[in-house]
Amino acid sequence: MSLSNRAHEHHLLCRIRREKSASPRAAFMCKKASTIDLRRS
């Protein structure tokens, strides 16, 4: 699996989790994690 695929999958999981929890902190952590993933690839 390519890095971009993993980042995309991670982003989708984050979106689902954010919609479930609706917690700003969780959304922020997800955004931070996804940007780190994108920077690494």
N, C-alpha and C. Protein backbone atom coordinates (compact mmCIF):
# COMPACT_ATOMS: atom_id res chain seq x y z
N MET A 1 0.85 -1.21 0.00
CA MET A 1 0.00 0.00 0.00
C MET A 1 0.88 1.25 0.00
N SER A 2 0.54 2.20 -0.84
CA SER A 2 1.34 3.42 -0.93
C SER A 2 1.06 4.35 0.25
N LEU A 3 1.97 5.28 0.47
CA LEU A 3 1.81 6.21 1.59
C LEU A 3 0.58 7.07 1.41
N SER A 4 0.33 7.52 0.18
CA SER A 4 -0.83 8.38 -0.06
C SER A 4 -2.12 7.62 0.22
N ASN A 5 -2.14 6.34 -0.14
CA ASN A 5 -3.32 5.53 0.15
C ASN A 5 -3.56 5.45 1.65
N ARG A 6 -2.47 5.24 2.40
CA ARG A 6 -2.61 5.13 3.85
C ARG A 6 -3.12 6.44 4.44
N ALA A 7 -2.59 7.54 3.94
CA ALA A 7 -3.02 8.85 4.44
C ALA A 7 -4.49 9.07 4.13
N HIS A 8 -4.90 8.66 2.93
CA HIS A 8 -6.30 8.84 2.53
C HIS A 8 -7.20 7.99 3.42
N GLU A 9 -6.79 6.75 3.66
CA GLU A 9 -7.58 5.86 4.51
C GLU A 9 -7.67 6.44 5.91
N HIS A 10 -6.55 6.95 6.40
CA HIS A 10 -6.52 7.55 7.73
C HIS A 10 -7.47 8.74 7.80
N HIS A 11 -7.49 9.53 6.73
CA HIS A 11 -8.36 10.71 6.67
C HIS A 11 -9.82 10.28 6.72
N LEU A 12 -10.17 9.22 5.99
CA LEU A 12 -11.56 8.74 5.99
C LEU A 12 -11.94 8.25 7.38
N LEU A 13 -11.04 7.52 8.03
CA LEU A 13 -11.32 7.03 9.38
C LEU A 13 -11.53 8.20 10.32
N CYS A 14 -10.72 9.23 10.16
CA CYS A 14 -10.84 10.41 11.01
C CYS A 14 -12.18 11.08 10.81
N ARG A 15 -12.61 11.17 9.54
CA ARG A 15 -13.88 11.82 9.26
C ARG A 15 -15.02 11.06 9.92
N ILE A 16 -14.98 9.73 9.81
CA ILE A 16 -16.02 8.91 10.44
C ILE A 16 -15.99 9.11 11.95
N ARG A 17 -14.80 9.08 12.52
CA ARG A 17 -14.67 9.21 13.97
C ARG A 17 -15.13 10.59 14.42
N ARG A 18 -14.80 11.61 13.62
CA ARG A 18 -15.18 12.98 13.99
C ARG A 18 -16.69 13.13 13.95
N GLU A 19 -17.32 12.53 12.94
CA GLU A 19 -18.78 12.62 12.86
C GLU A 19 -19.43 11.91 14.03
N LYS A 20 -18.80 10.82 14.49
CA LYS A 20 -19.36 10.07 15.62
C LYS A 20 -19.19 10.85 16.92
N SER A 21 -17.98 11.33 17.16
CA SER A 21 -17.70 11.97 18.45
C SER A 21 -18.08 13.44 18.45
N ALA A 22 -17.89 14.10 17.30
CA ALA A 22 -18.18 15.53 17.19
C ALA A 22 -17.38 16.32 18.23
N SER A 23 -16.19 15.82 18.54
CA SER A 23 -15.34 16.49 19.52
C SER A 23 -14.28 17.32 18.81
N PRO A 24 -14.21 18.62 19.08
CA PRO A 24 -13.23 19.49 18.41
C PRO A 24 -11.80 19.03 18.64
N ARG A 25 -11.53 18.51 19.84
CA ARG A 25 -10.17 18.05 20.15
C ARG A 25 -9.81 16.86 19.27
N ALA A 26 -10.73 15.92 19.14
CA ALA A 26 -10.48 14.75 18.29
C ALA A 26 -10.26 15.19 16.84
N ALA A 27 -11.06 16.13 16.39
CA ALA A 27 -10.92 16.63 15.02
C ALA A 27 -9.55 17.29 14.84
N PHE A 28 -9.12 18.04 15.84
CA PHE A 28 -7.82 18.71 15.76
C PHE A 28 -6.70 17.69 15.71
N MET A 29 -6.76 16.69 16.58
CA MET A 29 -5.74 15.65 16.60
C MET A 29 -5.70 14.92 15.27
N CYS A 30 -6.85 14.65 14.70
CA CYS A 30 -6.92 13.96 13.41
C CYS A 30 -6.29 14.81 12.33
N LYS A 31 -6.62 16.08 12.32
CA LYS A 31 -6.07 16.98 11.31
C LYS A 31 -4.55 17.03 11.43
N LYS A 32 -4.09 17.12 12.67
CA LYS A 32 -2.65 17.17 12.92
C LYS A 32 -1.98 15.90 12.43
N ALA A 33 -2.57 14.77 12.74
CA ALA A 33 -2.00 13.48 12.34
C ALA A 33 -1.96 13.35 10.82
N SER A 34 -3.04 13.77 10.15
CA SER A 34 -3.09 13.64 8.70
C SER A 34 -2.08 14.56 8.03
N THR A 35 -1.87 15.75 8.58
CA THR A 35 -0.89 16.66 7.97
C THR A 35 0.51 16.10 8.15
N ILE A 36 0.79 15.48 9.29
CA ILE A 36 2.10 14.85 9.52
C ILE A 36 2.30 13.72 8.51
N ASP A 37 1.26 12.92 8.29
CA ASP A 37 1.34 11.83 7.31
C ASP A 37 1.64 12.37 5.92
N LEU A 38 0.95 13.44 5.55
CA LEU A 38 1.14 14.01 4.21
C LEU A 38 2.55 14.57 4.07
N ARG A 39 3.06 15.17 5.12
CA ARG A 39 4.40 15.75 5.06
C ARG A 39 5.45 14.65 4.92
N ARG A 40 5.21 13.51 5.58
CA ARG A 40 6.17 12.41 5.57
C ARG A 40 6.26 11.78 4.18
N SER A 41 5.14 11.67 3.48
CA SER A 41 5.13 10.98 2.18
C SER A 41 5.86 11.78 1.10
